Amino acid sequence: MEVELSHAATKDLTRLPRNTRDTILGKIDEVAADPAQARNVRPLKGSNGLLRKRVGDLRVTYEIDQERNVLRVLEVKPRGSAYR
C-alpha cells in the first residue's frame, strides 16, 4: 500500500525531532504493509472512515482509500490537540 502525506502532516513531522519522526514514519509503514494487523489503531468517533494510530504521546490521523490502495496521513498531533 502506498503512503501519502498531506501538507499538514508533512508540516507536523518537520517540527518533530528526527528520532521521533523516524519512529512515526516506521509505524506508518507498518500500518501500510498490513492495515488489518496494525496495533494501537482505533476509528475516530464522529468521523467517517478516519482512523488514528497511537505512537507514544502522539496521534497519527489517517484514512485508507481502498480503491487506490493508498494510506493518506492527514495529521500528526500530540494527544491533547489531536481530537479538536
Protein backbone atom coordinates (compact mmCIF):
# COMPACT_ATOMS: atom_id res chain seq x y z
CA MET A 1 0.00 0.00 0.00
CA GLU A 2 1.29 3.45 -0.91
CA VAL A 3 1.56 6.20 1.72
CA GLU A 4 0.58 9.81 1.02
CA LEU A 5 1.31 12.61 3.48
CA SER A 6 -0.95 15.65 3.48
CA HIS A 7 0.60 19.10 3.61
CA ALA A 8 -0.43 19.40 7.28
CA ALA A 9 1.12 16.02 8.15
CA THR A 10 4.38 16.95 6.42
CA LYS A 11 4.45 20.22 8.34
CA ASP A 12 3.72 18.43 11.62
CA LEU A 13 6.51 15.91 11.01
CA THR A 14 9.12 18.56 10.18
CA ARG A 15 8.53 20.15 13.59
CA LEU A 16 9.41 16.93 15.42
CA PRO A 17 12.90 15.74 16.39
CA ARG A 18 14.50 13.42 13.82
CA ASN A 19 14.36 10.29 16.00
CA THR A 20 10.65 10.81 16.76
CA ARG A 21 9.94 11.50 13.08
CA ASP A 22 11.74 8.31 12.05
CA THR A 23 9.76 6.28 14.61
CA ILE A 24 6.46 7.68 13.36
CA LEU A 25 7.33 7.07 9.71
CA GLY A 26 8.30 3.48 10.58
CA LYS A 27 4.96 2.93 12.32
CA ILE A 28 3.09 4.39 9.34
CA ASP A 29 4.95 1.98 7.05
CA GLU A 30 3.95 -0.93 9.33
CA VAL A 31 0.28 0.07 9.03
CA ALA A 32 0.59 0.43 5.26
CA ALA A 33 2.15 -3.03 4.97
CA ASP A 34 -0.75 -4.75 6.75
CA PRO A 35 -3.61 -2.49 7.96
CA ALA A 36 -5.59 -5.42 9.38
CA GLN A 37 -2.79 -6.41 11.78
CA ALA A 38 -1.85 -2.87 12.88
CA ARG A 39 -1.71 -2.34 16.63
CA ASN A 40 -2.86 0.74 18.59
CA VAL A 41 -5.29 1.73 15.84
CA ARG A 42 -8.83 2.87 16.51
CA PRO A 43 -11.55 4.54 14.47
CA LEU A 44 -12.26 8.16 15.35
CA LYS A 45 -15.75 8.67 16.72
CA GLY A 46 -17.91 11.05 14.74
CA SER A 47 -15.72 10.89 11.65
CA ASN A 48 -16.49 8.99 8.53
CA GLY A 49 -13.72 6.45 7.97
CA LEU A 50 -10.88 8.22 9.79
CA LEU A 51 -8.53 6.16 11.92
CA ARG A 52 -5.88 7.07 14.47
CA LYS A 53 -2.66 5.35 15.42
CA ARG A 54 -1.11 5.95 18.81
CA VAL A 55 2.66 6.42 18.77
CA GLY A 56 3.71 7.35 22.31
CA ASP A 57 2.13 10.70 23.17
CA LEU A 58 1.41 11.47 19.52
CA ARG A 59 -1.58 10.54 17.39
CA VAL A 60 -1.40 9.92 13.66
CA THR A 61 -4.75 10.55 11.94
CA TYR A 62 -5.20 8.80 8.61
CA GLU A 63 -7.64 7.27 6.17
CA ILE A 64 -7.39 4.33 3.82
CA ASP A 65 -8.53 4.63 0.21
CA GLN A 66 -9.25 1.01 -0.78
CA GLU A 67 -9.88 1.82 -4.46
CA ARG A 68 -6.49 3.48 -4.98
CA ASN A 69 -4.73 1.31 -2.36
CA VAL A 70 -3.43 4.41 -0.56
CA LEU A 71 -2.98 5.22 3.13
CA ARG A 72 -3.38 9.01 3.40
CA VAL A 73 -1.87 10.54 6.57
CA LEU A 74 -3.80 13.67 7.50
CA GLU A 75 -2.03 14.94 10.62
CA VAL A 76 0.37 14.09 13.43
CA LYS A 77 -0.53 15.82 16.68
CA PRO A 78 0.04 15.50 20.42
CA ARG A 79 -2.80 13.73 22.21
CA GLY A 80 -4.22 16.93 23.71
CA SER A 81 -4.79 18.68 20.40
CA ALA A 82 -5.33 15.68 18.12
CA TYR A 83 -9.06 15.39 18.75
CA ARG A 84 -10.12 19.01 18.28
